[in-house]
Amino acid sequence: MAGPDDLAGLTGIYYTLTYAGFLPPTVLVALSARLPDSVMLAAVAVVALVCLVLVTVGGRGDPWNGSRVQRPGSYVSCLTCRTNRALSTDRTP
């Protein structure tokens, strides 16, 4: 999936997101003394819906044939640009 030049960066992003996933339960426990469970459940449901929309909008296209929608300046588009440049310059006659 990732080339040798991008593997360390993607691994770092993976670990950052993985460890950030431990924070929301801690926040919910801290808020449980002040908010009812139904309010916290509704807030988590809203966050889940927002994530679903972001993933749905950001995941348009078919990543297997390269027709993925790319936004200028995004990390994915930078990786794709480097990969495309490497493929276009590594052609041997």
PDB file of N, CA and C in Angstrom:
ATOM      1  N   MET A   1       0.812  -1.184   0.000  1.00  0.00           N
ATOM      2  CA  MET A   1       0.000   0.000   0.000  1.00  0.00           C
ATOM      3  C   MET A   1       0.861   1.257   0.000  1.00  0.00           C
ATOM      4  N   ALA A   2       1.847   1.306   0.857  1.00  0.00           N
ATOM      5  CA  ALA A   2       2.705   2.478   0.937  1.00  0.00           C
ATOM      6  C   ALA A   2       4.106   2.099   0.479  1.00  0.00           C
ATOM      7  N   GLY A   3       4.733   3.031  -0.202  1.00  0.00           N
ATOM      8  CA  GLY A   3       6.099   2.807  -0.632  1.00  0.00           C
ATOM      9  C   GLY A   3       7.065   2.975   0.524  1.00  0.00           C
ATOM     10  N   PRO A   4       8.316   2.619   0.334  1.00  0.00           N
ATOM     11  CA  PRO A   4       9.302   2.724   1.405  1.00  0.00           C
ATOM     12  C   PRO A   4       9.471   4.156   1.919  1.00  0.00           C
ATOM     13  N   ASP A   5       9.314   5.149   1.046  1.00  0.00           N
ATOM     14  CA  ASP A   5       9.492   6.534   1.469  1.00  0.00           C
ATOM     15  C   ASP A   5       8.339   7.027   2.333  1.00  0.00           C
ATOM     16  N   ASP A   6       7.167   6.435   2.193  1.00  0.00           N
ATOM     17  CA  ASP A   6       5.986   6.917   2.889  1.00  0.00           C
ATOM     18  C   ASP A   6       5.577   6.044   4.064  1.00  0.00           C
ATOM     19  N   LEU A   7       6.217   4.918   4.246  1.00  0.00           N
ATOM     20  CA  LEU A   7       5.792   3.959   5.259  1.00  0.00           C
ATOM     21  C   LEU A   7       5.915   4.528   6.675  1.00  0.00           C
ATOM     22  N   ALA A   8       6.989   5.187   6.987  1.00  0.00           N
ATOM     23  CA  ALA A   8       7.176   5.725   8.336  1.00  0.00           C
ATOM     24  C   ALA A   8       6.130   6.799   8.646  1.00  0.00           C
ATOM     25  N   GLY A   9       5.859   7.662   7.695  1.00  0.00           N
ATOM     26  CA  GLY A   9       4.862   8.708   7.921  1.00  0.00           C
ATOM     27  C   GLY A   9       3.471   8.139   8.122  1.00  0.00           C
ATOM     28  N   LEU A  10       3.109   7.165   7.309  1.00  0.00           N
ATOM     29  CA  LEU A  10       1.789   6.551   7.459  1.00  0.00           C
ATOM     30  C   LEU A  10       1.683   5.757   8.758  1.00  0.00           C
ATOM     31  N   THR A  11       2.760   5.128   9.174  1.00  0.00           N
ATOM     32  CA  THR A  11       2.754   4.412  10.447  1.00  0.00           C
ATOM     33  C   THR A  11       2.569   5.393  11.601  1.00  0.00           C
ATOM     34  N   GLY A  12       3.227   6.537  11.523  1.00  0.00           N
ATOM     35  CA  GLY A  12       3.063   7.568  12.550  1.00  0.00           C
ATOM     36  C   GLY A  12       1.643   8.084  12.624  1.00  0.00           C
ATOM     37  N   ILE A  13       1.029   8.300  11.470  1.00  0.00           N
ATOM     38  CA  ILE A  13      -0.363   8.756  11.440  1.00  0.00           C
ATOM     39  C   ILE A  13      -1.276   7.685  12.034  1.00  0.00           C
ATOM     40  N   TYR A  14      -1.027   6.437  11.682  1.00  0.00           N
ATOM     41  CA  TYR A  14      -1.830   5.335  12.222  1.00  0.00           C
ATOM     42  C   TYR A  14      -1.758   5.294  13.747  1.00  0.00           C
ATOM     43  N   TYR A  15      -0.548   5.352  14.305  1.00  0.00           N
ATOM     44  CA  TYR A  15      -0.405   5.299  15.755  1.00  0.00           C
ATOM     45  C   TYR A  15      -1.009   6.528  16.422  1.00  0.00           C
ATOM     46  N   THR A  16      -0.890   7.691  15.814  1.00  0.00           N
ATOM     47  CA  THR A  16      -1.485   8.899  16.379  1.00  0.00           C
ATOM     48  C   THR A  16      -2.998   8.757  16.470  1.00  0.00           C
ATOM     49  N   LEU A  17      -3.622   8.298  15.396  1.00  0.00           N
ATOM     50  CA  LEU A  17      -5.073   8.131  15.398  1.00  0.00           C
ATOM     51  C   LEU A  17      -5.506   7.011  16.346  1.00  0.00           C
ATOM     52  N   THR A  18      -4.705   5.961  16.430  1.00  0.00           N
ATOM     53  CA  THR A  18      -5.045   4.855  17.327  1.00  0.00           C
ATOM     54  C   THR A  18      -5.024   5.302  18.778  1.00  0.00           C
ATOM     55  N   TYR A  19      -3.967   5.990  19.186  1.00  0.00           N
ATOM     56  CA  TYR A  19      -3.886   6.438  20.567  1.00  0.00           C
ATOM     57  C   TYR A  19      -4.863   7.574  20.862  1.00  0.00           C
ATOM     58  N   ALA A  20      -5.203   8.375  19.874  1.00  0.00           N
ATOM     59  CA  ALA A  20      -6.212   9.422  20.078  1.00  0.00           C
ATOM     60  C   ALA A  20      -7.577   8.798  20.345  1.00  0.00           C
ATOM     61  N   GLY A  21      -7.787   7.580  19.888  1.00  0.00           N
ATOM     62  CA  GLY A  21      -9.047   6.881  20.132  1.00  0.00           C
ATOM     63  C   GLY A  21      -9.268   6.528  21.584  1.00  0.00           C
ATOM     64  N   PHE A  22      -8.229   6.576  22.420  1.00  0.00           N
ATOM     65  CA  PHE A  22      -8.386   6.317  23.847  1.00  0.00           C
ATOM     66  C   PHE A  22      -8.926   7.536  24.597  1.00  0.00           C
ATOM     67  N   LEU A  23      -8.899   8.701  23.994  1.00  0.00           N
ATOM     68  CA  LEU A  23      -9.311   9.927  24.676  1.00  0.00           C
ATOM     69  C   LEU A  23     -10.827  10.070  24.844  1.00  0.00           C
ATOM     70  N   PRO A  24     -11.664   9.794  23.839  1.00  0.00           N
ATOM     71  CA  PRO A  24     -13.116  10.012  24.015  1.00  0.00           C
ATOM     72  C   PRO A  24     -13.747   9.279  25.204  1.00  0.00           C
ATOM     73  N   PRO A  25     -13.423   8.025  25.484  1.00  0.00           N
ATOM     74  CA  PRO A  25     -14.023   7.413  26.677  1.00  0.00           C
ATOM     75  C   PRO A  25     -13.643   8.141  27.966  1.00  0.00           C
ATOM     76  N   THR A  26     -12.433   8.647  28.037  1.00  0.00           N
ATOM     77  CA  THR A  26     -12.004   9.390  29.221  1.00  0.00           C
ATOM     78  C   THR A  26     -12.805  10.680  29.369  1.00  0.00           C
ATOM     79  N   VAL A  27     -13.029  11.360  28.259  1.00  0.00           N
ATOM     80  CA  VAL A  27     -13.826  12.588  28.281  1.00  0.00           C
ATOM     81  C   VAL A  27     -15.268  12.272  28.687  1.00  0.00           C
ATOM     82  N   LEU A  28     -15.822  11.188  28.161  1.00  0.00           N
ATOM     83  CA  LEU A  28     -17.191  10.813  28.519  1.00  0.00           C
ATOM     84  C   LEU A  28     -17.325  10.489  30.004  1.00  0.00           C
ATOM     85  N   VAL A  29     -16.346   9.822  30.565  1.00  0.00           N
ATOM     86  CA  VAL A  29     -16.384   9.520  31.998  1.00  0.00           C
ATOM     87  C   VAL A  29     -16.309  10.814  32.805  1.00  0.00           C
ATOM     88  N   ALA A  30     -15.480  11.755  32.369  1.00  0.00           N
ATOM     89  CA  ALA A  30     -15.370  13.027  33.088  1.00  0.00           C
ATOM     90  C   ALA A  30     -16.673  13.820  33.009  1.00  0.00           C
ATOM     91  N   LEU A  31     -17.367  13.731  31.867  1.00  0.00           N
ATOM     92  CA  LEU A  31     -18.619  14.468  31.702  1.00  0.00           C
ATOM     93  C   LEU A  31     -19.822  13.755  32.318  1.00  0.00           C
ATOM     94  N   SER A  32     -19.688  12.490  32.650  1.00  0.00           N
ATOM     95  CA  SER A  32     -20.833  11.718  33.147  1.00  0.00           C
ATOM     96  C   SER A  32     -21.362  12.241  34.475  1.00  0.00           C
ATOM     97  N   ALA A  33     -20.540  12.931  35.238  1.00  0.00           N
ATOM     98  CA  ALA A  33     -21.003  13.499  36.503  1.00  0.00           C
ATOM     99  C   ALA A  33     -21.874  14.735  36.271  1.00  0.00           C
ATOM    100  N   ARG A  34     -21.734  15.382  35.109  1.00  0.00           N
ATOM    101  CA  ARG A  34     -22.455  16.634  34.845  1.00  0.00           C
ATOM    102  C   ARG A  34     -23.592  16.485  33.847  1.00  0.00           C
ATOM    103  N   LEU A  35     -23.518  15.495  32.967  1.00  0.00           N
ATOM    104  CA  LEU A  35     -24.517  15.344  31.910  1.00  0.00           C
ATOM    105  C   LEU A  35     -25.229  14.002  32.037  1.00  0.00           C
ATOM    106  N   PRO A  36     -26.513  13.980  31.683  1.00  0.00           N
ATOM    107  CA  PRO A  36     -27.209  12.680  31.685  1.00  0.00           C
ATOM    108  C   PRO A  36     -26.701  11.782  30.550  1.00  0.00           C
ATOM    109  N   ASP A  37     -26.889  10.501  30.744  1.00  0.00           N
ATOM    110  CA  ASP A  37     -26.416   9.539  29.749  1.00  0.00           C
ATOM    111  C   ASP A  37     -27.057   9.755  28.385  1.00  0.00           C
ATOM    112  N   SER A  38     -28.329  10.144  28.348  1.00  0.00           N
ATOM    113  CA  SER A  38     -29.014  10.348  27.071  1.00  0.00           C
ATOM    114  C   SER A  38     -28.393  11.487  26.264  1.00  0.00           C
ATOM    115  N   VAL A  39     -27.940  12.538  26.940  1.00  0.00           N
ATOM    116  CA  VAL A  39     -27.289  13.657  26.238  1.00  0.00           C
ATOM    117  C   VAL A  39     -25.944  13.205  25.673  1.00  0.00           C
ATOM    118  N   MET A  40     -25.183  12.460  26.454  1.00  0.00           N
ATOM    119  CA  MET A  40     -23.892  11.983  25.972  1.00  0.00           C
ATOM    120  C   MET A  40     -24.073  11.004  24.811  1.00  0.00           C
ATOM    121  N   LEU A  41     -25.093  10.142  24.890  1.00  0.00           N
ATOM    122  CA  LEU A  41     -25.355   9.209  23.798  1.00  0.00           C
ATOM    123  C   LEU A  41     -25.733   9.962  22.528  1.00  0.00           C
ATOM    124  N   ALA A  42     -26.553  10.996  22.655  1.00  0.00           N
ATOM    125  CA  ALA A  42     -26.938  11.804  21.490  1.00  0.00           C
ATOM    126  C   ALA A  42     -25.716  12.503  20.897  1.00  0.00           C
ATOM    127  N   ALA A  43     -24.829  13.022  21.749  1.00  0.00           N
ATOM    128  CA  ALA A  43     -23.621  13.700  21.259  1.00  0.00           C
ATOM    129  C   ALA A  43     -22.713  12.723  20.511  1.00  0.00           C
ATOM    130  N   VAL A  44     -22.564  11.509  21.042  1.00  0.00           N
ATOM    131  CA  VAL A  44     -21.737  10.509  20.374  1.00  0.00           C
ATOM    132  C   VAL A  44     -22.368  10.104  19.041  1.00  0.00           C
ATOM    133  N   ALA A  45     -23.700  10.022  18.999  1.00  0.00           N
ATOM    134  CA  ALA A  45     -24.392   9.684  17.751  1.00  0.00           C
ATOM    135  C   ALA A  45     -24.184  10.773  16.703  1.00  0.00           C
ATOM    136  N   VAL A  46     -24.211  12.027  17.113  1.00  0.00           N
ATOM    137  CA  VAL A  46     -23.978  13.140  16.181  1.00  0.00           C
ATOM    138  C   VAL A  46     -22.552  13.084  15.643  1.00  0.00           C
ATOM    139  N   VAL A  47     -21.594  12.845  16.509  1.00  0.00           N
ATOM    140  CA  VAL A  47     -20.194  12.742  16.074  1.00  0.00           C
ATOM    141  C   VAL A  47     -20.028  11.576  15.095  1.00  0.00           C
ATOM    142  N   ALA A  48     -20.690  10.461  15.369  1.00  0.00           N
ATOM    143  CA  ALA A  48     -20.614   9.301  14.468  1.00  0.00           C
ATOM    144  C   ALA A  48     -21.211   9.632  13.102  1.00  0.00           C
ATOM    145  N   LEU A  49     -22.327  10.355  13.081  1.00  0.00           N
ATOM    146  CA  LEU A  49     -22.931  10.739  11.803  1.00  0.00           C
ATOM    147  C   LEU A  49     -22.042  11.701  11.018  1.00  0.00           C
ATOM    148  N   VAL A  50     -21.414  12.635  11.718  1.00  0.00           N
ATOM    149  CA  VAL A  50     -20.492  13.560  11.047  1.00  0.00           C
ATOM    150  C   VAL A  50     -19.322  12.779  10.448  1.00  0.00           C
ATOM    151  N   CYS A  51     -18.787  11.825  11.198  1.00  0.00           N
ATOM    152  CA  CYS A  51     -17.694  10.988  10.670  1.00  0.00           C
ATOM    153  C   CYS A  51     -18.149  10.189   9.455  1.00  0.00           C
ATOM    154  N   LEU A  52     -19.375   9.669   9.501  1.00  0.00           N
ATOM    155  CA  LEU A  52     -19.901   8.919   8.368  1.00  0.00           C
ATOM    156  C   LEU A  52     -19.992   9.789   7.124  1.00  0.00           C
ATOM    157  N   VAL A  53     -20.465  11.016   7.294  1.00  0.00           N
ATOM    158  CA  VAL A  53     -20.564  11.936   6.153  1.00  0.00           C
ATOM    159  C   VAL A  53     -19.180  12.256   5.608  1.00  0.00           C
ATOM    160  N   LEU A  54     -18.226  12.532   6.488  1.00  0.00           N
ATOM    161  CA  LEU A  54     -16.869  12.853   6.034  1.00  0.00           C
ATOM    162  C   LEU A  54     -16.230  11.695   5.282  1.00  0.00           C
ATOM    163  N   VAL A  55     -16.416  10.486   5.773  1.00  0.00           N
ATOM    164  CA  VAL A  55     -15.839   9.317   5.112  1.00  0.00           C
ATOM    165  C   VAL A  55     -16.522   9.073   3.773  1.00  0.00           C
ATOM    166  N   THR A  56     -17.842   9.251   3.745  1.00  0.00           N
ATOM    167  CA  THR A  56     -18.581   9.029   2.506  1.00  0.00           C
ATOM    168  C   THR A  56     -18.189  10.037   1.438  1.00  0.00           C
ATOM    169  N   VAL A  57     -18.101  11.303   1.810  1.00  0.00           N
ATOM    170  CA  VAL A  57     -17.735  12.346   0.847  1.00  0.00           C
ATOM    171  C   VAL A  57     -16.269  12.210   0.442  1.00  0.00           C
ATOM    172  N   GLY A  58     -15.401  11.918   1.389  1.00  0.00           N
ATOM    173  CA  GLY A  58     -13.975  11.816   1.100  1.00  0.00           C
ATOM    174  C   GLY A  58     -13.587  10.535   0.392  1.00  0.00           C
ATOM    175  N   GLY A  59     -14.442   9.528   0.404  1.00  0.00           N
ATOM    176  CA  GLY A  59     -14.087   8.250  -0.180  1.00  0.00           C
ATOM    177  C   GLY A  59     -14.702   8.003  -1.542  1.00  0.00           C
ATOM    178  N   ARG A  60     -15.122   9.040  -2.210  1.00  0.00           N
ATOM    179  CA  ARG A  60     -15.725   8.853  -3.535  1.00  0.00           C
ATOM    180  C   ARG A  60     -14.679   8.401  -4.531  1.00  0.00           C
ATOM    181  N   GLY A  61     -15.107   7.600  -5.467  1.00  0.00           N
ATOM    182  CA  GLY A  61     -14.193   7.111  -6.498  1.00  0.00           C
ATOM    183  C   GLY A  61     -13.745   5.694  -6.207  1.00  0.00           C
ATOM    184  N   ASP A  62     -13.023   5.144  -7.131  1.00  0.00           N
ATOM    185  CA  ASP A  62     -12.520   3.787  -7.010  1.00  0.00           C
ATOM    186  C   ASP A  62     -11.012   3.846  -6.782  1.00  0.00           C
ATOM    187  N   PRO A  63     -10.546   3.582  -5.556  1.00  0.00           N
ATOM    188  CA  PRO A  63      -9.114   3.714  -5.281  1.00  0.00           C
ATOM    189  C   PRO A  63      -8.255   2.695  -6.019  1.00  0.00           C
ATOM    190  N   TRP A  64      -8.852   1.610  -6.526  1.00  0.00           N
ATOM    191  CA  TRP A  64      -8.058   0.577  -7.185  1.00  0.00           C
ATOM    192  C   TRP A  64      -7.627   0.961  -8.587  1.00  0.00           C
ATOM    193  N   ASN A  65      -8.393   1.830  -9.248  1.00  0.00           N
ATOM    194  CA  ASN A  65      -7.960   2.219 -10.591  1.00  0.00           C
ATOM    195  C   ASN A  65      -7.543   3.685 -10.669  1.00  0.00           C
ATOM    196  N   GLY A  66      -7.378   4.329  -9.523  1.00  0.00           N
ATOM    197  CA  GLY A  66      -6.837   5.683  -9.501  1.00  0.00           C
ATOM    198  C   GLY A  66      -7.833   6.788  -9.779  1.00  0.00           C
ATOM    199  N   SER A  67      -9.122   6.509  -9.729  1.00  0.00           N
ATOM    200  CA  SER A  67     -10.094   7.555 -10.013  1.00  0.00           C
ATOM    201  C   SER A  67     -10.567   8.259  -8.750  1.00  0.00           C
ATOM    202  N   ARG A  68      -9.799   8.181  -7.700  1.00  0.00           N
ATOM    203  CA  ARG A  68     -10.165   8.806  -6.426  1.00  0.00           C
ATOM    204  C   ARG A  68     -10.131  10.332  -6.561  1.00  0.00           C
ATOM    205  N   VAL A  69     -11.098  10.989  -5.940  1.00  0.00           N
ATOM    206  CA  VAL A  69     -11.149  12.449  -5.955  1.00  0.00           C
ATOM    207  C   VAL A  69     -10.030  12.955  -5.063  1.00  0.00           C
ATOM    208  N   GLN A  70      -9.175  13.833  -5.591  1.00  0.00           N
ATOM    209  CA  GLN A  70      -8.045  14.341  -4.829  1.00  0.00           C
ATOM    210  C   GLN A  70      -8.223  15.825  -4.578  1.00  0.00           C
ATOM    211  N   ARG A  71      -7.952  16.221  -3.365  1.00  0.00           N
ATOM    212  CA  ARG A  71      -8.014  17.627  -3.003  1.00  0.00           C
ATOM    213  C   ARG A  71      -6.593  18.188  -2.950  1.00  0.00           C
ATOM    214  N   PRO A  72      -6.366  19.356  -3.532  1.00  0.00           N
ATOM    215  CA  PRO A  72      -5.020  19.923  -3.515  1.00  0.00           C
ATOM    216  C   PRO A  72      -4.541  20.129  -2.084  1.00  0.00           C
ATOM    217  N   GLY A  73      -3.323  19.738  -1.827  1.00  0.00           N
ATOM    218  CA  GLY A  73      -2.725  19.944  -0.518  1.00  0.00           C
ATOM    219  C   GLY A  73      -3.010  18.838   0.481  1.00  0.00           C
ATOM    220  N   SER A  74      -3.836  17.864   0.127  1.00  0.00           N
ATOM    221  CA  SER A  74      -4.121  16.789   1.075  1.00  0.00           C
ATOM    222  C   SER A  74      -2.965  15.787   1.068  1.00  0.00           C
ATOM    223  N   TYR A  75      -2.828  15.064   2.179  1.00  0.00           N
ATOM    224  CA  TYR A  75      -1.728  14.119   2.303  1.00  0.00           C
ATOM    225  C   TYR A  75      -1.868  13.007   1.267  1.00  0.00           C
ATOM    226  N   VAL A  76      -3.108  12.563   1.033  1.00  0.00           N
ATOM    227  CA  VAL A  76      -3.321  11.488   0.068  1.00  0.00           C
ATOM    228  C   VAL A  76      -2.932  11.950  -1.328  1.00  0.00           C
ATOM    229  N   SER A  77      -3.308  13.188  -1.690  1.00  0.00           N
ATOM    230  CA  SER A  77      -2.963  13.664  -3.029  1.00  0.00           C
ATOM    231  C   SER A  77      -1.454  13.831  -3.173  1.00  0.00           C
ATOM    232  N   CYS A  78      -0.773  14.216  -2.081  1.00  0.00           N
ATOM    233  CA  CYS A  78       0.689  14.345  -2.150  1.00  0.00           C
ATOM    234  C   CYS A  78       1.333  12.981  -2.372  1.00  0.00           C
ATOM    235  N   LEU A  79       0.826  11.964  -1.665  1.00  0.00           N
ATOM    236  CA  LEU A  79       1.366  10.615  -1.857  1.00  0.00           C
ATOM    237  C   LEU A  79       1.102  10.136  -3.274  1.00  0.00           C
ATOM    238  N   THR A  80      -0.089  10.414  -3.783  1.00  0.00           N
ATOM    239  CA  THR A  80      -0.437   9.979  -5.124  1.00  0.00           C
ATOM    240  C   THR A  80       0.410  10.701  -6.158  1.00  0.00           C
ATOM    241  N   CYS A  81       0.634  11.990  -5.952  1.00  0.00           N
ATOM    242  CA  CYS A  81       1.467  12.752  -6.896  1.00  0.00           C
ATOM    243  C   CYS A  81       2.877  12.179  -6.947  1.00  0.00           C
ATOM    244  N   ARG A  82       3.447  11.886  -5.772  1.00  0.00           N
ATOM    245  CA  ARG A  82       4.801  11.332  -5.745  1.00  0.00           C
ATOM    246  C   ARG A  82       4.836   9.970  -6.416  1.00  0.00           C
ATOM    247  N   THR A  83       3.809   9.162  -6.159  1.00  0.00           N
ATOM    248  CA  THR A  83       3.757   7.840  -6.769  1.00  0.00           C
ATOM    249  C   THR A  83       3.625   7.963  -8.279  1.00  0.00           C
ATOM    250  N   ASN A  84       2.755   8.856  -8.750  1.00  0.00           N
ATOM    251  CA  ASN A  84       2.574   9.031 -10.187  1.00  0.00           C
ATOM    252  C   ASN A  84       3.853   9.545 -10.844  1.00  0.00           C
ATOM    253  N   ARG A  85       4.547  10.476 -10.167  1.00  0.00           N
ATOM    254  CA  ARG A  85       5.817  10.979 -10.726  1.00  0.00           C
ATOM    255  C   ARG A  85       6.848   9.865 -10.795  1.00  0.00           C
ATOM    256  N   ALA A  86       6.893   9.035  -9.753  1.00  0.00           N
ATOM    257  CA  ALA A  86       7.856   7.933  -9.756  1.00  0.00           C
ATOM    258  C   ALA A  86       7.545   6.948 -10.870  1.00  0.00           C
ATOM    259  N   LEU A  87       6.264   6.678 -11.088  1.00  0.00           N
ATOM    260  CA  LEU A  87       5.905   5.756 -12.155  1.00  0.00           C
ATOM    261  C   LEU A  87       6.200   6.323 -13.527  1.00  0.00           C
ATOM    262  N   SER A  88       6.002   7.638 -13.691  1.00  0.00           N
ATOM    263  CA  SER A  88       6.203   8.243 -15.005  1.00  0.00           C
ATOM    264  C   SER A  88       7.687   8.421 -15.334  1.00  0.00           C
ATOM    265  N   THR A  89       8.558   8.535 -14.318  1.00  0.00           N
ATOM    266  CA  THR A  89       9.969   8.756 -14.583  1.00  0.00           C
ATOM    267  C   THR A  89      10.773   7.457 -14.611  1.00  0.00           C
ATOM    268  N   ASP A  90      10.185   6.373 -14.096  1.00  0.00           N
ATOM    269  CA  ASP A  90      10.914   5.108 -14.027  1.00  0.00           C
ATOM    270  C   ASP A  90      10.678   4.212 -15.240  1.00  0.00           C
ATOM    271  N   ARG A  91      10.291   4.771 -16.324  1.00  0.00           N
ATOM    272  CA  ARG A  91      10.037   3.963 -17.517  1.00  0.00           C
ATOM    273  C   ARG A  91      11.345   3.656 -18.225  1.00  0.00           C
ATOM    274  N   THR A  92      11.517   2.405 -18.515  1.00  0.00           N
ATOM    275  CA  THR A  92      12.715   1.998 -19.225  1.00  0.00           C
ATOM    276  C   THR A  92      12.350   1.648 -20.667  1.00  0.00           C
ATOM    277  N   PRO A  93      13.180   1.992 -21.629  1.00  0.00           N
ATOM    278  CA  PRO A  93      12.839   1.708 -23.033  1.00  0.00           C
ATOM    279  C   PRO A  93      12.886   0.245 -23.364  1.00  0.00           C
TER     280      PRO A  93
END
